[in-house]
């Protein structure tokens, strides 16, 4: 009987950690199916993560998350500045 793995979203850090854990399990000689079951991810997800995050360490993933968060903050500030600048300009005309 096949088990169905519940769908959920993982953060970059979680994906990087699970890749490392999966690589460790595979290097210990565990079967791929058993390793994926232990990690609770599908083979397609694991392979996609390996392609995307394979060379990234956990610290680098945290840094990328912080940079993405900071980028969103700066974009919000930029939009607020543009809105206030153009709002004032249209009132003075």
N, C-alpha and C. Protein backbone atom coordinates (compact mmCIF):
# COMPACT_ATOMS: atom_id res chain seq x y z
N UNK A 1 0.84 -1.18 0.00
CA UNK A 1 0.00 0.00 0.00
C UNK A 1 0.88 1.24 0.00
N UNK A 2 0.62 2.17 -0.92
CA UNK A 2 1.38 3.41 -0.99
C UNK A 2 0.87 4.38 0.05
N UNK A 3 1.80 5.10 0.65
CA UNK A 3 1.40 6.14 1.60
C UNK A 3 1.42 7.47 0.88
N UNK A 4 0.49 8.31 1.23
CA UNK A 4 0.40 9.62 0.62
C UNK A 4 1.06 10.62 1.56
N UNK A 5 1.98 11.41 1.00
CA UNK A 5 2.68 12.40 1.79
C UNK A 5 1.89 13.70 1.72
N UNK A 6 1.64 14.27 2.89
CA UNK A 6 0.89 15.51 2.98
C UNK A 6 1.66 16.64 2.33
N UNK A 7 0.99 17.47 1.57
CA UNK A 7 1.62 18.59 0.88
C UNK A 7 1.82 19.75 1.85
N UNK A 8 3.02 20.30 1.84
CA UNK A 8 3.28 21.50 2.62
C UNK A 8 4.42 22.28 1.97
N UNK A 9 4.54 23.52 2.30
CA UNK A 9 5.61 24.37 1.77
C UNK A 9 6.77 24.35 2.74
N UNK A 10 7.96 24.31 2.19
CA UNK A 10 9.16 24.34 3.01
C UNK A 10 9.93 25.62 2.73
N UNK A 11 10.59 26.14 3.75
CA UNK A 11 11.44 27.31 3.56
C UNK A 11 12.76 26.86 2.95
N UNK A 12 13.57 27.83 2.54
CA UNK A 12 14.88 27.51 1.98
C UNK A 12 15.72 26.75 2.99
N UNK A 13 15.66 27.20 4.23
CA UNK A 13 16.46 26.55 5.27
C UNK A 13 16.05 25.10 5.46
N UNK A 14 14.74 24.85 5.46
CA UNK A 14 14.25 23.49 5.64
C UNK A 14 14.68 22.61 4.46
N UNK A 15 14.59 23.16 3.25
CA UNK A 15 14.99 22.39 2.06
C UNK A 15 16.47 22.05 2.12
N UNK A 16 17.30 23.02 2.49
CA UNK A 16 18.75 22.78 2.57
C UNK A 16 19.06 21.75 3.64
N UNK A 17 18.38 21.85 4.78
CA UNK A 17 18.61 20.89 5.87
C UNK A 17 18.20 19.49 5.44
N UNK A 18 17.06 19.37 4.75
CA UNK A 18 16.59 18.05 4.31
C UNK A 18 17.48 17.48 3.22
N UNK A 19 18.05 18.32 2.37
CA UNK A 19 19.00 17.82 1.37
C UNK A 19 20.21 17.22 2.07
N UNK A 20 20.74 17.96 3.05
CA UNK A 20 21.89 17.46 3.79
C UNK A 20 21.60 16.17 4.52
N UNK A 21 20.44 16.12 5.15
CA UNK A 21 20.03 14.90 5.87
C UNK A 21 19.85 13.74 4.89
N UNK A 22 19.23 14.02 3.75
CA UNK A 22 19.02 12.98 2.74
C UNK A 22 20.33 12.47 2.18
N UNK A 23 21.26 13.38 1.90
CA UNK A 23 22.58 12.96 1.40
C UNK A 23 23.30 12.08 2.43
N UNK A 24 23.16 12.45 3.69
CA UNK A 24 23.78 11.65 4.75
C UNK A 24 23.16 10.25 4.81
N UNK A 25 21.84 10.17 4.73
CA UNK A 25 21.16 8.87 4.76
C UNK A 25 21.57 8.01 3.56
N UNK A 26 21.66 8.64 2.40
CA UNK A 26 22.05 7.90 1.19
C UNK A 26 23.50 7.43 1.28
N UNK A 27 24.38 8.26 1.85
CA UNK A 27 25.78 7.86 1.96
C UNK A 27 25.97 6.73 2.97
N UNK A 28 25.04 6.62 3.92
CA UNK A 28 25.09 5.52 4.89
C UNK A 28 24.56 4.22 4.29
N UNK A 29 24.08 4.28 3.05
CA UNK A 29 23.62 3.08 2.38
C UNK A 29 22.12 2.85 2.44
N UNK A 30 21.39 3.83 2.96
CA UNK A 30 19.94 3.67 3.04
C UNK A 30 19.35 3.80 1.63
N UNK A 31 18.30 3.05 1.38
CA UNK A 31 17.61 3.08 0.09
C UNK A 31 16.97 4.45 -0.12
N UNK A 32 16.90 4.90 -1.38
CA UNK A 32 16.34 6.21 -1.71
C UNK A 32 14.90 6.33 -1.23
N UNK A 33 14.10 5.29 -1.45
CA UNK A 33 12.69 5.33 -1.05
C UNK A 33 12.57 5.49 0.47
N UNK A 34 13.40 4.77 1.22
CA UNK A 34 13.37 4.87 2.67
C UNK A 34 13.80 6.26 3.13
N UNK A 35 14.83 6.80 2.50
CA UNK A 35 15.32 8.14 2.86
C UNK A 35 14.25 9.20 2.58
N UNK A 36 13.59 9.09 1.45
CA UNK A 36 12.54 10.05 1.11
C UNK A 36 11.35 9.94 2.06
N UNK A 37 11.04 8.72 2.44
CA UNK A 37 9.95 8.52 3.40
C UNK A 37 10.32 9.14 4.74
N UNK A 38 11.56 8.97 5.15
CA UNK A 38 12.03 9.55 6.41
C UNK A 38 11.97 11.09 6.34
N UNK A 39 12.34 11.66 5.19
CA UNK A 39 12.34 13.12 5.02
C UNK A 39 10.93 13.67 4.76
N UNK A 40 10.00 12.78 4.41
CA UNK A 40 8.61 13.15 4.10
C UNK A 40 8.53 14.08 2.89
N UNK A 41 9.28 13.75 1.84
CA UNK A 41 9.22 14.49 0.57
C UNK A 41 9.17 13.50 -0.58
N UNK A 42 8.69 13.96 -1.71
CA UNK A 42 8.65 13.09 -2.88
C UNK A 42 10.01 13.11 -3.58
N UNK A 43 10.21 12.15 -4.46
CA UNK A 43 11.46 12.08 -5.19
C UNK A 43 11.63 13.30 -6.10
N UNK A 44 10.54 13.74 -6.71
CA UNK A 44 10.61 14.92 -7.59
C UNK A 44 11.01 16.16 -6.80
N UNK A 45 10.45 16.33 -5.62
CA UNK A 45 10.79 17.48 -4.78
C UNK A 45 12.25 17.42 -4.36
N UNK A 46 12.70 16.25 -3.92
CA UNK A 46 14.08 16.09 -3.48
C UNK A 46 15.05 16.40 -4.62
N UNK A 47 14.76 15.90 -5.82
CA UNK A 47 15.64 16.16 -6.96
C UNK A 47 15.62 17.64 -7.35
N UNK A 48 14.45 18.27 -7.29
CA UNK A 48 14.36 19.70 -7.60
C UNK A 48 15.16 20.52 -6.59
N UNK A 49 15.05 20.16 -5.30
CA UNK A 49 15.81 20.85 -4.27
C UNK A 49 17.30 20.66 -4.48
N UNK A 50 17.71 19.45 -4.86
CA UNK A 50 19.14 19.20 -5.08
C UNK A 50 19.66 20.06 -6.22
N UNK A 51 18.85 20.24 -7.27
CA UNK A 51 19.25 21.10 -8.38
C UNK A 51 19.34 22.55 -7.94
N UNK A 52 18.35 22.99 -7.19
CA UNK A 52 18.26 24.40 -6.82
C UNK A 52 19.19 24.76 -5.68
N UNK A 53 19.17 23.98 -4.60
CA UNK A 53 19.89 24.33 -3.38
C UNK A 53 21.05 23.40 -3.07
N UNK A 54 21.43 22.55 -4.00
CA UNK A 54 22.43 21.53 -3.73
C UNK A 54 23.74 22.02 -3.16
N UNK A 55 24.24 23.14 -3.64
CA UNK A 55 25.53 23.64 -3.16
C UNK A 55 25.44 24.63 -2.03
N UNK A 56 24.24 24.90 -1.54
CA UNK A 56 24.04 25.92 -0.51
C UNK A 56 24.10 25.29 0.87
N UNK A 57 24.80 25.95 1.77
CA UNK A 57 24.83 25.52 3.16
C UNK A 57 23.71 26.25 3.91
N UNK A 58 23.39 25.78 5.10
CA UNK A 58 22.27 26.35 5.87
C UNK A 58 22.50 27.83 6.17
N UNK A 59 23.74 28.22 6.47
CA UNK A 59 24.02 29.63 6.77
C UNK A 59 23.75 30.51 5.56
N UNK A 60 24.11 30.00 4.38
CA UNK A 60 23.88 30.76 3.15
C UNK A 60 22.39 30.90 2.87
N UNK A 61 21.62 29.86 3.16
CA UNK A 61 20.17 29.91 2.96
C UNK A 61 19.55 30.95 3.90
N UNK A 62 20.02 31.01 5.13
CA UNK A 62 19.52 32.01 6.07
C UNK A 62 19.85 33.41 5.57
N UNK A 63 21.05 33.58 5.03
CA UNK A 63 21.46 34.87 4.50
C UNK A 63 20.57 35.26 3.31
N UNK A 64 20.27 34.31 2.44
CA UNK A 64 19.39 34.59 1.31
C UNK A 64 17.99 34.98 1.78
N UNK A 65 17.49 34.33 2.80
CA UNK A 65 16.18 34.67 3.35
C UNK A 65 16.19 36.09 3.90
N UNK A 66 17.24 36.44 4.63
CA UNK A 66 17.35 37.79 5.18
C UNK A 66 17.44 38.83 4.07
N UNK A 67 18.19 38.52 3.01
CA UNK A 67 18.30 39.44 1.89
C UNK A 67 16.96 39.62 1.17
N UNK A 68 16.23 38.53 1.00
CA UNK A 68 14.92 38.62 0.35
C UNK A 68 13.96 39.45 1.20
N UNK A 69 14.01 39.28 2.51
CA UNK A 69 13.16 40.05 3.41
C UNK A 69 13.52 41.53 3.34
N UNK A 70 14.80 41.82 3.35
CA UNK A 70 15.27 43.22 3.27
C UNK A 70 14.88 43.84 1.93
N UNK A 71 14.97 43.09 0.86
CA UNK A 71 14.58 43.59 -0.46
C UNK A 71 13.11 43.98 -0.46
N UNK A 72 12.25 43.15 0.13
CA UNK A 72 10.83 43.47 0.21
C UNK A 72 10.60 44.75 1.02
N UNK A 73 11.34 44.91 2.11
CA UNK A 73 11.21 46.12 2.91
C UNK A 73 11.60 47.35 2.10
N UNK A 74 12.72 47.27 1.40
CA UNK A 74 13.19 48.40 0.61
C UNK A 74 12.24 48.73 -0.53
N UNK A 75 11.67 47.71 -1.15
CA UNK A 75 10.70 47.97 -2.21
C UNK A 75 9.47 48.68 -1.66
N UNK A 76 9.03 48.28 -0.47
CA UNK A 76 7.90 48.95 0.17
C UNK A 76 8.20 50.40 0.49
N UNK A 77 9.40 50.66 1.01
CA UNK A 77 9.81 52.04 1.29
C UNK A 77 9.88 52.87 0.02
N UNK A 78 10.42 52.27 -1.03
CA UNK A 78 10.53 52.97 -2.31
C UNK A 78 9.16 53.34 -2.85
N UNK A 79 8.22 52.41 -2.78
CA UNK A 79 6.87 52.69 -3.25
C UNK A 79 6.20 53.77 -2.41
N UNK A 80 6.42 53.74 -1.10
CA UNK A 80 5.84 54.76 -0.22
C UNK A 80 6.43 56.13 -0.53
N UNK A 81 7.73 56.19 -0.78
CA UNK A 81 8.37 57.46 -1.11
C UNK A 81 7.85 58.01 -2.43
N UNK A 82 7.71 57.13 -3.42
CA UNK A 82 7.20 57.57 -4.72
C UNK A 82 5.76 58.06 -4.60
N UNK A 83 4.97 57.34 -3.82
CA UNK A 83 3.57 57.74 -3.64
C UNK A 83 3.47 59.09 -2.95
N UNK A 84 4.28 59.31 -1.92
CA UNK A 84 4.23 60.59 -1.22
C UNK A 84 4.80 61.71 -2.10
N UNK A 85 5.82 61.43 -2.85
CA UNK A 85 6.43 62.43 -3.73
C UNK A 85 5.47 62.85 -4.82
N UNK A 86 4.86 61.89 -5.50
CA UNK A 86 3.92 62.20 -6.57
C UNK A 86 2.62 62.75 -6.03
N UNK A 87 2.25 62.34 -4.83
CA UNK A 87 1.03 62.88 -4.22
C UNK A 87 1.19 64.36 -3.90
N UNK A 88 2.37 64.76 -3.39
CA UNK A 88 2.64 66.16 -3.09
C UNK A 88 2.76 66.97 -4.36
N UNK A 89 3.39 66.41 -5.40
CA UNK A 89 3.58 67.12 -6.66
C UNK A 89 2.24 67.41 -7.32
N UNK A 90 1.32 66.45 -7.26
CA UNK A 90 0.03 66.67 -7.91
C UNK A 90 -0.82 67.68 -7.15
N UNK A 91 -0.61 67.81 -5.83
CA UNK A 91 -1.35 68.78 -5.04
C UNK A 91 -0.85 70.20 -5.27
N UNK A 92 0.46 70.36 -5.56
CA UNK A 92 1.01 71.69 -5.73
C UNK A 92 0.78 72.25 -7.13
N UNK A 93 0.35 71.42 -8.07
CA UNK A 93 0.14 71.88 -9.46
C UNK A 93 -1.18 72.59 -9.59
